[in-house]
Amino acid sequence: MELYAYICEAGSFAGFSAVPWEELGLCSVIDEPTDEPEGLRIYLRDGWPVAVLEFDVGYRVIPGMITNRWQQS
């Protein structure tokens, strides 16, 4: 949960459509160990946390680490 807390504190909410799937495909994934059907999914790039997917909520991303289409000019 420490990675999740870090991403929530340092990151920003991006929803579902703001994060390009092409970039997510370059990341390694840590799935939350849970009995729930959809737990948290944390994305890492080069060992660094870049995003978390919260089921039915969307992505939270670390600015500058992964594209957030809503924050591009």
Protein backbone atom coordinates (compact mmCIF):
# COMPACT_ATOMS: atom_id res chain seq x y z
CA MET A 1 0.00 0.00 0.00
CA GLU A 2 2.97 2.36 0.33
CA LEU A 3 3.30 2.67 -3.46
CA TYR A 4 -0.42 3.38 -3.75
CA ALA A 5 -0.22 6.06 -1.05
CA TYR A 6 2.80 7.64 -2.75
CA ILE A 7 1.07 7.78 -6.15
CA CYS A 8 -2.07 9.28 -4.59
CA GLU A 9 -0.06 11.92 -2.74
CA ALA A 10 2.34 12.85 -5.55
CA GLY A 11 0.08 12.15 -8.52
CA SER A 12 -3.04 13.58 -10.04
CA PHE A 13 -6.32 12.02 -11.10
CA ALA A 14 -6.50 11.33 -14.83
CA GLY A 15 -9.64 9.23 -15.26
CA PHE A 16 -9.71 6.42 -17.82
CA SER A 17 -9.22 8.08 -21.19
CA ALA A 18 -6.28 10.36 -20.35
CA VAL A 19 -3.61 7.65 -20.16
CA PRO A 20 -2.43 6.15 -23.50
CA TRP A 21 -2.56 2.34 -23.54
CA GLU A 22 0.65 2.34 -25.61
CA GLU A 23 2.56 3.77 -22.65
CA LEU A 24 0.91 1.41 -20.19
CA GLY A 25 2.10 -1.48 -22.37
CA LEU A 26 5.70 -0.42 -21.69
CA CYS A 27 5.18 -0.69 -17.94
CA SER A 28 5.43 -3.64 -15.62
CA VAL A 29 2.36 -4.25 -13.46
CA ILE A 30 1.82 -5.12 -9.81
CA ASP A 31 -1.67 -6.45 -9.11
CA GLU A 32 -2.98 -6.00 -5.58
CA PRO A 33 -3.18 -9.39 -3.87
CA THR A 34 -6.87 -9.56 -3.01
CA ASP A 35 -9.85 -11.87 -3.25
CA GLU A 36 -11.84 -9.04 -4.83
CA PRO A 37 -12.40 -9.40 -8.59
CA GLU A 38 -10.71 -6.08 -9.38
CA GLY A 39 -7.98 -4.85 -7.06
CA LEU A 40 -5.54 -2.00 -7.52
CA ARG A 41 -3.13 -2.23 -10.44
CA ILE A 42 0.15 -0.32 -10.04
CA TYR A 43 2.21 0.47 -13.14
CA LEU A 44 6.02 0.75 -12.97
CA ARG A 45 8.43 2.04 -15.58
CA ASP A 46 12.12 1.26 -15.07
CA GLY A 47 11.28 0.33 -11.49
CA TRP A 48 9.56 3.64 -10.71
CA PRO A 49 5.84 3.95 -9.93
CA VAL A 50 4.09 5.95 -12.66
CA ALA A 51 0.38 5.21 -12.29
CA VAL A 52 -2.27 3.28 -10.41
CA LEU A 53 -5.57 2.02 -11.78
CA GLU A 54 -8.45 2.03 -9.34
CA PHE A 55 -11.29 -0.16 -10.62
CA ASP A 56 -14.40 1.88 -11.56
CA VAL A 57 -12.54 5.12 -10.70
CA GLY A 58 -9.69 5.58 -13.19
CA TYR A 59 -5.99 6.30 -13.20
CA ARG A 60 -3.88 8.42 -10.91
CA VAL A 61 -0.59 9.34 -12.55
CA ILE A 62 2.72 10.85 -11.50
CA PRO A 63 3.17 14.08 -13.53
CA GLY A 64 6.01 13.84 -16.03
CA MET A 65 6.34 10.06 -15.69
CA ILE A 66 3.49 9.06 -17.99
CA THR A 67 1.33 11.05 -20.39
CA ASN A 68 -1.83 12.63 -19.04
CA ARG A 69 -3.72 13.77 -22.14
CA TRP A 70 -5.84 16.19 -20.10
CA GLN A 71 -2.75 18.13 -18.97
CA GLN A 72 -1.14 18.51 -22.41
CA SER A 73 -1.31 21.89 -24.09
